[in-house]
Amino acid sequence: MKRDLISEVMRAMGKKGGKAGGKKGGKARMAALTPEERKQLARKAVRTRWAKAKKGNHRLGKTRGE
């Protein structure tokens, strides 16, 4: 096979695949976790959120655009 033909085939395969095996969305990630793992992640998120609020780095009660 010619080198250019191989390159074209590889590019076509890459375009066709796209993100098929790539990053997963949040819903898919959460569906793969057990309820206990989801609970642990939620608790960690809350602790992080409140730690930011105590430092003053987070605008508690404000919405985007304000």
Protein backbone atom coordinates (compact mmCIF):
# COMPACT_ATOMS: atom_id res chain seq x y z
CA MET A 1 0.00 0.00 0.00
CA LYS A 2 1.07 3.53 -0.62
CA ARG A 3 1.93 5.68 2.37
CA ASP A 4 -0.61 8.37 1.40
CA LEU A 5 -3.37 5.80 1.08
CA ILE A 6 -2.63 4.46 4.58
CA SER A 7 -2.72 8.01 5.96
CA GLU A 8 -6.07 8.66 4.30
CA VAL A 9 -7.51 5.41 5.66
CA MET A 10 -6.28 6.19 9.18
CA ARG A 11 -7.73 9.74 9.02
CA ALA A 12 -11.07 8.37 7.82
CA MET A 13 -11.14 5.83 10.64
CA GLY A 14 -10.35 8.54 13.18
CA LYS A 15 -13.11 10.79 11.88
CA LYS A 16 -15.62 7.95 11.88
CA GLY A 17 -14.80 6.98 15.47
CA GLY A 18 -14.92 10.52 16.79
CA LYS A 19 -15.66 10.48 20.49
CA ALA A 20 -17.25 7.03 20.44
CA GLY A 21 -14.76 5.68 22.95
CA GLY A 22 -13.93 9.02 24.51
CA LYS A 23 -15.15 10.96 27.51
CA LYS A 24 -18.31 9.91 29.28
CA GLY A 25 -20.97 12.30 30.45
CA GLY A 26 -21.95 12.85 34.06
CA LYS A 27 -25.08 10.70 33.76
CA ALA A 28 -23.10 7.73 32.43
CA ARG A 29 -20.48 8.18 35.14
CA MET A 30 -23.09 8.31 37.91
CA ALA A 31 -24.92 5.27 36.52
CA ALA A 32 -21.70 3.26 36.82
CA LEU A 33 -21.27 4.11 40.53
CA THR A 34 -22.85 2.36 43.46
CA PRO A 35 -25.22 4.35 45.69
CA GLU A 36 -22.52 4.43 48.39
CA GLU A 37 -19.95 5.85 45.96
CA ARG A 38 -22.43 8.52 44.80
CA LYS A 39 -23.09 9.44 48.43
CA GLN A 40 -19.35 9.79 49.12
CA LEU A 41 -18.89 12.01 46.06
CA ALA A 42 -21.83 14.19 47.08
CA ARG A 43 -20.46 14.62 50.61
CA LYS A 44 -17.03 15.52 49.25
CA ALA A 45 -18.62 18.12 46.95
CA VAL A 46 -20.54 19.68 49.83
CA ARG A 47 -17.43 19.86 52.02
CA THR A 48 -15.48 21.50 49.19
CA ARG A 49 -18.30 23.96 48.50
CA TRP A 50 -18.55 25.04 52.13
CA ALA A 51 -14.77 25.26 52.51
CA LYS A 52 -14.72 27.70 49.59
CA ALA A 53 -17.59 29.67 51.10
CA LYS A 54 -15.76 30.00 54.42
CA LYS A 55 -12.64 31.26 52.64
CA GLY A 56 -14.70 33.82 50.76
CA ASN A 57 -13.79 32.37 47.37
CA HIS A 58 -17.36 31.37 46.61
CA ARG A 59 -20.34 33.68 46.23
CA LEU A 60 -22.95 31.84 48.26
CA GLY A 61 -26.52 32.68 47.27
CA LYS A 62 -25.54 34.53 44.10
CA THR A 63 -26.63 33.41 40.67
CA ARG A 64 -24.63 33.58 37.49
CA GLY A 65 -24.65 36.96 35.84
CA GLU A 66 -24.92 38.97 39.05
